[in-house]
Each structure stands twice: as structure tokens, then as C-alpha cells.
Amino acid sequence: MDIYHAREHLHDLANHLAFIKDTGRPPIQKTEDLGVMLHSIGYGQAGETYTWFDAALDNGVLVVPERGIELAEAATQLGRGA
């Protein structure tokens, strides 16, 4: 695959995975508490930081907040490979 087609493929994939995009399909009829899930990983001079969120399906829809909750004890001192 050449660069042009790879870029187009990534663009299509990004559009497909867009969280806000309405597909027009009805959500699955499932409501369930999924527990705590990883929201994001931050990389910095002090090491890695992790943010979390309380995940739940509400009639098949998983709502991910814009920002997760950071737990001080979840940060690493040296980052990956330490």
C-alpha cells in the first residue's frame, strides 16, 4: 500500500471510529455497569499518568467523558520499561 492509499485508509478509519458520529442504527438493548476503565495515558518528564472513568452501557450506549479521573497512586515514576 502506498502512502496516499494508507492516508486515505486512516482517514476512513477515523471517520468510522468517530464517537460522536450518528450511524443511524439503533443501539443494542443492553444496560450494564462495566466498572472502571482506562480513559487515557499521559507521558511526561515525571513518567506516565493514567486517567480512568466509571464505564456503563445505557441502552447500548457507552458514554466516555471528555476527561478522566487521575489517581495519584496510578502514576509511574519512570514510565514504560522501568
Protein backbone atom coordinates (compact mmCIF):
# COMPACT_ATOMS: atom_id res chain seq x y z
CA MET A 1 0.00 0.00 0.00
CA ASP A 2 1.43 3.36 -0.98
CA ILE A 3 1.39 6.47 1.24
CA TYR A 4 -1.62 8.03 -0.49
CA HIS A 5 -3.81 4.96 -0.01
CA ALA A 6 -2.59 4.46 3.56
CA ARG A 7 -3.55 8.05 4.40
CA GLU A 8 -6.98 7.63 2.80
CA HIS A 9 -7.47 4.37 4.71
CA LEU A 10 -6.60 6.08 8.01
CA HIS A 11 -8.98 8.92 7.19
CA ASP A 12 -11.79 6.43 6.51
CA LEU A 13 -10.97 4.54 9.70
CA ALA A 14 -11.02 7.75 11.75
CA ASN A 15 -14.43 8.63 10.33
CA HIS A 16 -15.69 5.14 11.09
CA LEU A 17 -14.50 5.29 14.69
CA ALA A 18 -15.75 8.81 15.42
CA PHE A 19 -17.51 8.67 18.78
CA ILE A 20 -19.91 11.50 18.05
CA LYS A 21 -20.96 10.35 14.58
CA ASP A 22 -24.54 9.07 14.45
CA THR A 23 -24.70 5.90 12.36
CA GLY A 24 -28.48 5.89 12.22
CA ARG A 25 -28.55 2.35 13.62
CA PRO A 26 -30.43 1.79 16.86
CA PRO A 27 -28.26 0.98 19.89
CA ILE A 28 -28.32 -2.54 21.29
CA GLN A 29 -30.81 -3.03 24.10
CA LYS A 30 -28.31 -3.65 26.89
CA THR A 31 -27.76 -1.71 30.11
CA GLU A 32 -24.85 -2.84 32.27
CA ASP A 33 -22.27 -1.44 34.69
CA LEU A 34 -18.87 -2.18 33.15
CA GLY A 35 -16.75 -0.91 36.05
CA VAL A 36 -13.70 1.32 35.93
CA MET A 37 -11.97 1.62 32.55
CA LEU A 38 -8.81 3.30 31.38
CA HIS A 39 -9.58 6.67 29.78
CA SER A 40 -6.14 7.88 28.69
CA ILE A 41 -2.39 7.65 29.27
CA GLY A 42 -0.24 10.76 29.59
CA TYR A 43 3.53 10.77 29.02
CA GLY A 44 5.73 13.35 30.66
CA GLN A 45 9.07 14.04 32.34
CA ALA A 46 7.85 12.51 35.61
CA GLY A 47 6.67 9.30 33.92
CA GLU A 48 3.28 8.02 32.82
CA THR A 49 -0.04 9.17 34.23
CA TYR A 50 -3.34 7.37 33.80
CA THR A 51 -6.91 8.62 33.89
CA TRP A 52 -9.95 6.45 34.46
CA PHE A 53 -13.73 6.61 34.18
CA ASP A 54 -16.68 4.65 35.51
CA ALA A 55 -17.99 2.87 32.42
CA ALA A 56 -21.56 1.78 31.88
CA LEU A 57 -23.77 0.90 28.95
CA ASP A 58 -27.10 2.72 28.96
CA ASN A 59 -29.37 1.06 26.40
CA GLY A 60 -26.30 0.08 24.38
CA VAL A 61 -24.60 3.48 24.52
CA LEU A 62 -21.21 3.89 26.20
CA VAL A 63 -20.67 7.50 27.22
CA VAL A 64 -17.00 8.43 27.62
CA PRO A 65 -16.37 11.72 29.46
CA GLU A 66 -14.08 14.31 27.90
CA ARG A 67 -11.70 13.97 30.86
CA GLY A 68 -10.98 11.03 33.10
CA ILE A 69 -10.16 10.93 36.81
CA GLU A 70 -6.47 10.79 37.68
CA LEU A 71 -5.38 8.76 40.68
CA ALA A 72 -2.08 9.85 42.18
CA GLU A 73 -1.08 6.28 43.04
CA ALA A 74 -1.60 5.23 39.40
CA ALA A 75 1.34 7.28 38.07
CA THR A 76 4.67 5.64 37.34
CA GLN A 77 7.98 7.17 38.34
CA LEU A 78 9.95 6.29 35.22
CA GLY A 79 7.37 5.32 32.65
CA ARG A 80 7.23 2.32 30.40
CA GLY A 81 10.08 -0.16 30.63
CA ALA A 82 11.08 0.93 34.15
